[in-house]
Amino acid sequence: MLPCFSDARAAEENAALISLQDLVDKAGPGERIVLPEGTYRGPVHIDKRLVIEALEQVVLVNDHPAPAISIQADGVEIQGVRIIQKQGGDESTAVSVQADGVMLKELEIRTRGYGIQLRDAHGGALKGNYIAWDRSQGPSTLGEKGNGIDLYKSSNNLIEQNVIVNMRDGIYLDNSKDLMIADNRIFGSRYGIHCMYVDGTEIVGNIGENNITGAMIMGVRDVIVSSNSFAEQRSNVNSQGILLYDVRDSLVEKNVLEGNRVGIYLERSRQNELGYNSISRNFVGMQFVSAEDNLIHYNDFVGNVIEAEATKSESNQLYQNFWDMAALLDLNDDGVSELSYAINPFYRNLITRIPAFQLFFQSPGIHFLSTMAEQDRQGWTIDPSPGMKLNMPRMDLDADADNNSLPEGTFLTIVASMLLLVSGLTIIYSRGSKE
């Protein structure tokens, strides 16, 4: 009897909420609805052009499998509403958009399904929204979750300044063109940004941390991936900062890849430019697999366990990358080393055949065997002209370090004074003990 009583009580509480659908039905096309503070009942279906704006704390609670908000009219704008989508499942979503020119701004979404779905919806904008998996009903597996923002056949949309937490994929883009994905922050997802067949898209200024992969980009042409930061993607054996698969004629530049299992993974991709990326403290800095005719230049490889690996990737053009493990020699002071840097595939080939040999990484025996393998460099990926210094120095960090550090002379004087003081105190203490 308790479950029946509980369900009946929940139904009564839900019925007592304000019906947002009633307010929408009463409004004329083109009107602005300003919602006073309160808790409203979903779902709501919008089939005419409206502007819905929340004042202070406006909460829309939806206990139904249908979307909390379903938009099927062009030019709808919704701002400032907090949405709780309680029903889960593959078809459950907080906001469903099937119209053009829709603006969703500053929504706070807690969902047991998807966050925002766009289907055949063009020319819209999603700005400043917060989307998170609803943990109030207990833990869930990654497969049970939906995507934060999910686009299908929806082109010319702007997705900007959103925060997405603990969803399956943060932003999922499929069969859409000319998208702008800018300044979003994505945490705790499978793929932070997941792109499939999204030609002409720009992915700029985003931050991804503690996802399985920061950005997974597949089957695209003419894409720009610039000025993003993907860090700490290493919880899975297949984790990467940026994964590029079957990518053509695209630009990957000025990204920061730090602390990932693999910084940049490039497979079956051709005629791309990868430049001015900071690739640091990853297990593998950059990995090429069957990748041909790509230009890799002016990147910085610093503090990676393995700087780069290349398999069946002979015809890429590398130059003036900075490799902190390379032996460098600049005879004419032009900032370029006269000694080339070759990517030795020995270790990758070895652990592919015998994975247990990963335990012996950087051991003297493995190093000795890798030097023996250098007798045959034909087919290796080589940077013929490594740079002598960083191409993308972290100026903000360097400046802070310089401002907060002491001059060398002052530092040595302080150390010497401390040593003299300690010596004097030791002598005084020793004499006192003898007396």
Protein backbone atom coordinates (compact mmCIF):
# COMPACT_ATOMS: atom_id res chain seq x y z
CA MET A 1 0.00 0.00 0.00
CA LEU A 2 2.86 2.40 0.65
CA PRO A 3 3.90 2.69 -3.04
CA CYS A 4 0.29 3.47 -4.03
CA PHE A 5 0.01 6.11 -1.34
CA SER A 6 3.35 7.60 -2.40
CA ASP A 7 2.36 7.69 -6.08
CA ALA A 8 -0.98 9.29 -5.26
CA ARG A 9 0.69 11.94 -3.14
CA ALA A 10 3.23 12.70 -5.89
CA ALA A 11 0.38 13.04 -8.39
CA GLU A 12 -1.42 15.47 -6.09
CA GLU A 13 1.73 17.55 -5.62
CA ASN A 14 2.30 17.62 -9.37
CA ALA A 15 -1.28 18.69 -10.04
CA ALA A 16 -0.87 21.55 -7.58
CA LEU A 17 1.95 23.06 -9.65
CA ILE A 18 1.33 25.90 -12.09
CA SER A 19 0.68 24.65 -15.63
CA LEU A 20 3.13 26.29 -18.04
CA GLN A 21 1.13 24.83 -20.92
CA ASP A 22 -1.91 26.90 -19.89
CA LEU A 23 0.18 30.10 -20.03
CA VAL A 24 1.55 29.18 -23.44
CA ASP A 25 -1.91 28.38 -24.81
CA LYS A 26 -3.28 31.75 -23.68
CA ALA A 27 -0.45 33.77 -25.27
CA GLY A 28 -0.68 35.04 -28.82
CA PRO A 29 2.03 34.51 -31.47
CA GLY A 30 4.99 36.82 -30.91
CA GLU A 31 4.12 37.61 -27.28
CA ARG A 32 6.59 37.69 -24.38
CA ILE A 33 5.74 35.61 -21.31
CA VAL A 34 7.52 36.75 -18.15
CA LEU A 35 7.31 33.98 -15.56
CA PRO A 36 7.15 35.06 -11.91
CA GLU A 37 9.04 33.05 -9.33
CA GLY A 38 7.51 29.64 -8.71
CA THR A 39 7.42 25.96 -9.64
CA TYR A 40 5.68 25.01 -12.88
CA ARG A 41 4.43 21.74 -14.28
CA GLY A 42 5.57 20.18 -17.54
CA PRO A 43 5.47 19.00 -20.21
CA VAL A 44 4.84 22.00 -22.44
CA HIS A 45 4.47 22.06 -26.21
CA ILE A 46 5.24 25.33 -28.05
CA ASP A 47 3.91 25.61 -31.61
CA LYS A 48 3.95 29.40 -32.05
CA ARG A 49 6.63 32.05 -31.84
CA LEU A 50 7.05 33.15 -28.20
CA VAL A 51 9.62 34.64 -25.86
CA ILE A 52 9.59 33.03 -22.41
CA GLU A 53 11.69 34.72 -19.74
CA ALA A 54 12.06 33.75 -16.10
CA LEU A 55 12.22 36.15 -13.19
CA GLU A 56 14.40 34.93 -10.30
CA GLN A 57 13.77 31.26 -9.36
CA VAL A 58 11.54 29.58 -11.94
CA VAL A 59 11.54 25.77 -11.90
CA LEU A 60 9.85 23.53 -14.47
CA VAL A 61 9.31 19.98 -13.18
CA ASN A 62 8.45 17.21 -15.63
CA ASP A 63 7.41 13.72 -14.50
CA HIS A 64 6.41 12.56 -17.99
CA PRO A 65 8.48 10.68 -20.61
CA ALA A 66 7.70 13.48 -23.08
CA PRO A 67 10.17 16.40 -23.22
CA ALA A 68 9.77 19.00 -20.50
CA ILE A 69 9.76 21.59 -23.33
CA SER A 70 9.03 20.70 -26.95
CA ILE A 71 9.56 23.50 -29.49
CA GLN A 72 8.08 23.22 -32.99
CA ALA A 73 7.82 26.88 -33.97
CA ASP A 74 10.53 29.05 -35.50
CA GLY A 75 12.03 31.93 -33.54
CA VAL A 76 11.14 30.77 -30.02
CA GLU A 77 13.34 32.18 -27.22
CA ILE A 78 13.56 30.78 -23.68
CA GLN A 79 15.77 32.23 -20.97
CA GLY A 80 16.54 31.57 -17.31
CA VAL A 81 14.33 28.56 -16.56
CA ARG A 82 15.50 25.72 -14.34
CA ILE A 83 14.30 22.38 -15.76
CA ILE A 84 14.11 19.06 -13.91
CA GLN A 85 13.47 16.11 -16.26
CA LYS A 86 12.69 13.19 -13.96
CA GLN A 87 11.95 10.48 -16.50
CA GLY A 88 14.85 8.56 -18.05
CA GLY A 89 15.33 6.43 -21.14
CA ASP A 90 16.64 6.76 -24.69
CA GLU A 91 13.71 8.95 -25.77
CA SER A 92 13.67 11.21 -22.73
CA THR A 93 14.99 14.77 -23.11
CA ALA A 94 14.59 17.99 -21.18
CA VAL A 95 14.27 20.24 -24.26
CA SER A 96 13.43 19.11 -27.79
CA VAL A 97 13.83 21.55 -30.69
CA GLN A 98 12.44 20.89 -34.17
CA ALA A 99 12.37 24.44 -35.52
CA ASP A 100 14.70 27.11 -36.90
CA GLY A 101 16.12 30.20 -35.22
CA VAL A 102 15.49 29.00 -31.66
CA MET A 103 17.41 30.64 -28.80
CA LEU A 104 17.93 28.77 -25.50
CA LYS A 105 19.83 30.88 -23.01
CA GLU A 106 20.89 30.47 -19.38
CA LEU A 107 18.81 27.37 -18.73
CA GLU A 108 19.76 25.08 -15.85
CA ILE A 109 18.91 21.49 -16.75
CA ARG A 110 18.99 18.42 -14.49
CA THR A 111 18.02 15.37 -16.50
CA ARG A 112 17.71 11.60 -16.37
CA GLY A 113 17.82 11.50 -20.16
CA TYR A 114 19.20 13.97 -22.70
CA GLY A 115 19.70 17.66 -22.05
CA ILE A 116 18.89 19.51 -25.29
CA GLN A 117 18.10 17.81 -28.61
CA LEU A 118 18.00 19.56 -31.99
CA ARG A 119 16.47 17.73 -34.96
CA ASP A 120 16.32 19.45 -38.36
CA ALA A 121 16.75 22.72 -36.47
CA HIS A 122 18.89 25.35 -38.18
CA GLY A 123 20.23 28.81 -37.40
CA GLY A 124 19.67 28.68 -33.65
CA ALA A 125 21.78 29.40 -30.57
CA LEU A 126 22.40 27.61 -27.27
CA LYS A 127 24.20 30.02 -24.94
CA GLY A 128 25.20 29.94 -21.30
CA ASN A 129 23.24 26.83 -20.32
CA TYR A 130 24.14 24.43 -17.51
CA ILE A 131 23.36 20.76 -18.16
CA ALA A 132 24.04 17.96 -15.68
CA TRP A 133 23.01 14.38 -15.06
CA ASP A 134 20.47 14.16 -12.23
CA ARG A 135 22.05 12.04 -9.50
CA SER A 136 19.17 12.40 -7.05
CA GLN A 137 17.71 9.02 -8.06
CA GLY A 138 20.95 7.13 -7.52
CA PRO A 139 24.02 6.26 -9.62
CA SER A 140 23.85 5.36 -13.30
CA THR A 141 26.17 3.77 -15.84
CA LEU A 142 27.51 5.73 -18.79
CA GLY A 143 25.27 3.76 -21.15
CA GLU A 144 22.14 4.79 -19.25
CA LYS A 145 22.86 8.48 -19.69
CA GLY A 146 21.97 10.75 -22.58
CA ASN A 147 24.06 13.43 -24.26
CA GLY A 148 24.17 16.96 -22.90
CA ILE A 149 23.57 18.68 -26.26
CA ASP A 150 22.62 16.45 -29.19
CA LEU A 151 22.34 17.71 -32.79
CA TYR A 152 21.23 15.74 -35.84
CA LYS A 153 20.78 17.28 -39.30
CA SER A 154 20.90 20.73 -37.72
CA SER A 155 23.24 23.22 -39.39
CA ASN A 156 24.40 26.81 -38.81
CA ASN A 157 23.89 26.67 -35.05
CA LEU A 158 25.90 28.43 -32.33
CA ILE A 159 26.72 26.45 -29.16
CA GLU A 160 28.53 28.79 -26.81
CA GLN A 161 29.51 29.13 -23.13
CA ASN A 162 27.62 26.07 -21.93
CA VAL A 163 28.72 23.94 -18.97
CA ILE A 164 28.03 20.21 -19.23
CA VAL A 165 28.71 17.74 -16.40
CA ASN A 166 28.55 13.93 -16.16
CA MET A 167 26.59 13.24 -19.34
CA ARG A 168 27.30 10.46 -21.86
CA ASP A 169 28.74 12.82 -24.48
CA GLY A 170 28.94 16.48 -23.63
CA ILE A 171 28.16 17.81 -27.13
CA TYR A 172 27.20 15.33 -29.86
CA LEU A 173 27.07 16.58 -33.46
CA ASP A 174 25.93 14.37 -36.34
CA ASN A 175 25.26 15.08 -40.02
CA SER A 176 25.26 18.84 -39.56
CA LYS A 177 27.32 21.62 -41.17
CA ASP A 178 28.80 25.02 -40.40
CA LEU A 179 28.46 24.87 -36.62
CA MET A 180 30.28 27.10 -34.14
CA ILE A 181 31.19 25.31 -30.89
CA ALA A 182 32.87 27.93 -28.69
CA ASP A 183 33.91 28.44 -25.07
CA ASN A 184 32.06 25.46 -23.62
CA ARG A 185 33.26 23.55 -20.54
CA ILE A 186 32.69 19.81 -20.35
CA PHE A 187 33.54 17.48 -17.46
CA GLY A 188 33.11 13.80 -16.63
CA SER A 189 31.69 12.59 -19.96
CA ARG A 190 32.68 9.91 -22.48
CA TYR A 191 33.51 12.25 -25.35
CA GLY A 192 33.53 15.91 -24.38
CA ILE A 193 32.81 16.94 -27.98
CA HIS A 194 31.79 14.18 -30.41
CA CYS A 195 31.66 15.13 -34.09
CA MET A 196 30.53 12.91 -36.96
CA TYR A 197 30.11 14.26 -40.50
CA VAL A 198 30.04 17.94 -39.57
CA ASP A 199 31.90 19.65 -42.42
CA GLY A 200 32.77 23.32 -42.07
CA THR A 201 32.46 23.34 -38.28
CA GLU A 202 34.64 25.39 -35.89
CA ILE A 203 35.53 24.09 -32.42
CA VAL A 204 37.18 26.99 -30.61
CA GLY A 205 38.10 27.86 -27.03
CA ASN A 206 36.49 24.88 -25.30
CA ILE A 207 37.73 23.23 -22.10
CA GLY A 208 37.42 19.50 -21.43
CA GLU A 209 38.67 17.75 -18.31
CA ASN A 210 38.33 14.23 -16.89
CA ASN A 211 36.41 12.89 -19.87
CA ILE A 212 37.42 9.64 -21.58
CA THR A 213 38.29 11.66 -24.71
CA GLY A 214 38.27 15.45 -24.96
CA ALA A 215 37.22 15.76 -28.61
CA MET A 216 36.40 12.86 -30.95
CA ILE A 217 36.29 14.13 -34.54
CA MET A 218 35.34 11.62 -37.23
CA GLY A 219 34.50 11.71 -40.92
CA VAL A 220 34.79 15.49 -41.38
CA ARG A 221 36.19 17.97 -43.91
CA ASP A 222 37.21 21.61 -43.51
CA VAL A 223 36.97 21.71 -39.72
CA ILE A 224 38.90 24.10 -37.45
CA VAL A 225 39.91 22.90 -33.97
CA SER A 226 41.62 25.85 -32.32
CA SER A 227 42.56 27.24 -28.90
CA ASN A 228 40.94 24.43 -26.90
CA SER A 229 42.27 22.89 -23.70
CA PHE A 230 41.86 19.16 -23.06
CA ALA A 231 43.46 17.91 -19.85
CA GLU A 232 43.40 14.78 -17.68
CA GLN A 233 41.74 12.51 -20.23
CA ARG A 234 43.38 9.28 -19.00
CA SER A 235 40.82 7.17 -17.14
CA ASN A 236 40.54 4.68 -20.00
CA VAL A 237 43.12 2.78 -22.07
CA ASN A 238 41.62 4.50 -25.12
CA SER A 239 41.69 8.03 -23.70
CA GLN A 240 42.91 10.93 -25.84
CA GLY A 241 42.91 14.69 -25.71
CA ILE A 242 41.93 14.97 -29.39
CA LEU A 243 41.06 11.97 -31.58
CA LEU A 244 41.00 12.55 -35.34
CA TYR A 245 39.67 9.69 -37.48
CA ASP A 246 39.06 10.01 -41.22
CA VAL A 247 39.58 13.76 -41.12
CA ARG A 248 40.56 15.72 -44.25
CA ASP A 249 41.60 19.28 -45.08
CA SER A 250 41.24 20.49 -41.49
CA LEU A 251 43.23 22.73 -39.15
CA VAL A 252 44.19 21.77 -35.59
CA GLU A 253 46.07 24.65 -33.97
CA LYS A 254 46.91 26.39 -30.68
CA ASN A 255 45.37 23.68 -28.51
CA VAL A 256 46.69 22.68 -25.08
CA LEU A 257 46.84 18.90 -24.54
CA GLU A 258 48.07 18.15 -21.04
CA GLY A 259 48.05 15.09 -18.79
CA ASN A 260 46.16 12.80 -21.19
CA ARG A 261 46.93 9.21 -22.05
CA VAL A 262 47.44 10.33 -25.68
CA GLY A 263 47.60 14.02 -26.52
CA ILE A 264 46.59 13.87 -30.21
CA TYR A 265 45.64 10.62 -31.96
CA LEU A 266 45.53 10.76 -35.77
CA GLU A 267 44.25 7.79 -37.80
CA ARG A 268 43.31 7.41 -41.49
CA SER A 269 43.44 11.16 -41.88
CA ARG A 270 45.01 13.10 -44.74
CA GLN A 271 45.98 16.62 -45.76
CA ASN A 272 45.46 18.24 -42.37
CA GLU A 273 47.56 20.91 -40.67
CA LEU A 274 48.53 20.52 -37.01
CA GLY A 275 50.45 23.51 -35.75
CA TYR A 276 51.30 25.52 -32.63
CA ASN A 277 49.81 22.97 -30.24
CA SER A 278 51.21 22.58 -26.71
CA ILE A 279 51.46 18.85 -26.01
CA SER A 280 52.78 18.22 -22.51
CA ARG A 281 52.86 15.62 -19.75
CA ASN A 282 50.89 13.01 -21.69
CA PHE A 283 51.79 9.32 -21.73
CA VAL A 284 52.02 9.57 -25.55
CA GLY A 285 52.27 13.06 -27.01
CA MET A 286 51.07 12.34 -30.56
CA GLN A 287 50.20 9.06 -32.24
CA PHE A 288 49.87 8.48 -36.00
CA VAL A 289 48.22 5.36 -37.45
CA SER A 290 47.84 5.10 -41.24
CA ALA A 291 47.89 8.89 -41.45
CA GLU A 292 49.37 10.38 -44.63
CA ASP A 293 50.20 13.77 -46.16
CA ASN A 294 49.61 15.79 -43.00
CA LEU A 295 51.61 18.88 -42.05
CA ILE A 296 52.83 18.82 -38.44
CA HIS A 297 54.84 21.91 -37.56
CA TYR A 298 55.62 24.35 -34.74
CA ASN A 299 54.18 22.07 -32.04
CA ASP A 300 55.75 21.71 -28.58
CA PHE A 301 56.35 18.25 -27.09
CA VAL A 302 57.33 18.66 -23.43
CA GLY A 303 57.44 16.15 -20.59
CA ASN A 304 55.62 13.34 -22.40
CA VAL A 305 56.57 9.77 -21.50
CA ILE A 306 56.61 8.94 -25.22
CA GLU A 307 56.81 12.03 -27.39
CA ALA A 308 55.33 10.50 -30.54
CA GLU A 309 54.54 7.20 -32.22
CA ALA A 310 53.96 6.53 -35.90
CA THR A 311 52.73 3.37 -37.61
CA LYS A 312 52.24 3.15 -41.38
CA SER A 313 52.50 6.93 -41.57
CA GLU A 314 55.52 7.65 -43.76
CA SER A 315 54.54 10.61 -45.91
CA ASN A 316 53.70 13.27 -43.33
CA GLN A 317 55.69 16.50 -43.37
CA LEU A 318 57.20 17.54 -40.03
CA TYR A 319 59.36 20.55 -39.31
CA GLN A 320 60.34 22.95 -36.53
CA ASN A 321 58.50 21.14 -33.77
CA PHE A 322 60.12 21.41 -30.35
CA TRP A 323 61.00 17.99 -28.87
CA ASP A 324 62.40 18.18 -25.36
CA MET A 325 63.96 14.70 -25.72
CA ALA A 326 65.76 15.50 -28.97
CA ALA A 327 69.52 16.00 -29.27
CA LEU A 328 69.76 19.54 -30.67
CA LEU A 329 72.60 21.41 -32.35
CA ASP A 330 72.23 24.91 -33.85
CA LEU A 331 75.43 25.80 -35.72
CA ASN A 332 74.24 28.96 -37.46
CA ASP A 333 72.07 30.40 -34.66
CA ASP A 334 68.87 30.39 -36.74
CA GLY A 335 66.77 28.71 -34.05
CA VAL A 336 66.63 25.41 -35.95
CA SER A 337 68.63 22.30 -35.12
CA GLU A 338 70.90 20.78 -37.74
CA LEU A 339 70.23 17.36 -36.17
CA SER A 340 67.01 15.67 -37.24
CA TYR A 341 64.65 13.93 -34.83
CA ALA A 342 63.32 10.50 -35.79
CA ILE A 343 60.27 8.86 -34.23
CA ASN A 344 61.33 5.33 -33.36
CA PRO A 345 58.37 2.90 -33.70
CA PHE A 346 60.19 0.09 -31.87
CA TYR A 347 58.43 0.44 -28.52
CA ARG A 348 54.94 0.73 -30.02
CA ASN A 349 55.50 -2.31 -32.25
CA LEU A 350 56.85 -4.26 -29.28
CA ILE A 351 53.97 -3.63 -26.88
CA THR A 352 51.45 -4.21 -29.68
CA ARG A 353 52.80 -7.75 -29.95
CA ILE A 354 53.52 -8.24 -26.22
CA PRO A 355 51.53 -5.76 -24.06
CA ALA A 356 53.25 -6.93 -20.85
CA PHE A 357 56.46 -5.24 -22.02
CA GLN A 358 54.91 -1.90 -21.03
CA LEU A 359 56.23 -2.71 -17.55
CA PHE A 360 59.78 -2.31 -18.87
CA PHE A 361 59.31 1.09 -20.45
CA GLN A 362 62.49 3.22 -20.27
CA SER A 363 64.43 0.32 -18.75
CA PRO A 364 68.07 -0.04 -19.91
CA GLY A 365 67.23 -3.21 -21.81
CA ILE A 366 64.40 -1.61 -23.79
CA HIS A 367 66.56 1.44 -24.52
CA PHE A 368 69.37 -0.82 -25.77
CA LEU A 369 67.01 -2.75 -28.05
CA SER A 370 65.49 0.47 -29.43
CA THR A 371 68.95 1.80 -30.35
CA MET A 372 69.68 -1.44 -32.19
CA ALA A 373 66.46 -0.94 -34.17
CA GLU A 374 67.75 2.43 -35.40
CA GLN A 375 69.88 0.68 -38.01
CA ASP A 376 66.88 0.65 -40.34
CA ARG A 377 65.26 4.10 -40.37
CA GLN A 378 63.58 3.69 -43.73
CA GLY A 379 59.89 4.44 -43.30
CA TRP A 380 60.31 6.27 -39.99
CA THR A 381 58.61 9.60 -39.40
CA ILE A 382 61.32 12.28 -39.13
CA ASP A 383 61.38 15.95 -38.19
CA PRO A 384 64.41 17.12 -40.23
CA SER A 385 64.61 20.53 -38.56
CA PRO A 386 63.49 20.55 -34.92
CA GLY A 387 63.06 23.91 -33.23
CA MET A 388 65.53 24.99 -30.56
CA LYS A 389 62.92 26.59 -28.28
CA LEU A 390 59.22 26.48 -27.49
CA ASN A 391 56.90 27.69 -30.23
CA MET A 392 54.01 28.33 -27.83
CA PRO A 393 55.48 29.40 -24.47
CA ARG A 394 52.92 29.64 -21.68
CA MET A 395 53.57 33.36 -21.28
CA ASP A 396 51.06 33.85 -18.50
CA LEU A 397 52.66 31.17 -16.37
CA ASP A 398 56.19 32.29 -17.23
CA ALA A 399 55.38 35.89 -16.36
CA ASP A 400 53.92 34.89 -13.01
CA ALA A 401 56.96 32.76 -12.27
CA ASP A 402 59.29 35.63 -13.17
CA ASN A 403 57.37 38.12 -11.06
CA ASN A 404 57.32 35.84 -8.04
CA SER A 405 60.95 34.62 -8.26
CA LEU A 406 64.03 36.15 -6.69
CA PRO A 407 67.08 37.21 -8.71
CA GLU A 408 69.75 34.53 -8.72
CA GLY A 409 72.25 36.67 -6.76
CA THR A 410 69.73 37.49 -4.05
CA PHE A 411 68.71 33.85 -3.75
CA LEU A 412 72.34 32.69 -3.32
CA THR A 413 72.98 35.39 -0.72
CA ILE A 414 69.97 34.26 1.32
CA VAL A 415 71.02 30.59 1.13
CA ALA A 416 74.61 31.44 2.19
CA SER A 417 73.34 33.54 5.11
CA MET A 418 71.08 30.73 6.29
CA LEU A 419 73.96 28.24 6.14
CA LEU A 420 76.18 30.57 8.18
CA LEU A 421 73.41 31.06 10.73
CA VAL A 422 72.84 27.32 11.09
CA SER A 423 76.61 26.71 11.42
CA GLY A 424 76.92 29.39 14.13
CA LEU A 425 74.00 28.00 16.11
CA THR A 426 75.46 24.49 15.85
CA ILE A 427 78.84 25.66 17.24
CA ILE A 428 77.20 27.56 20.11
CA TYR A 429 75.00 24.56 20.97
CA SER A 430 77.99 22.19 20.89
CA ARG A 431 80.06 24.37 23.25
CA GLY A 432 77.15 24.74 25.62
CA SER A 433 76.70 20.98 25.77
CA LYS A 434 80.37 20.41 26.64
CA GLU A 435 80.24 22.93 29.49
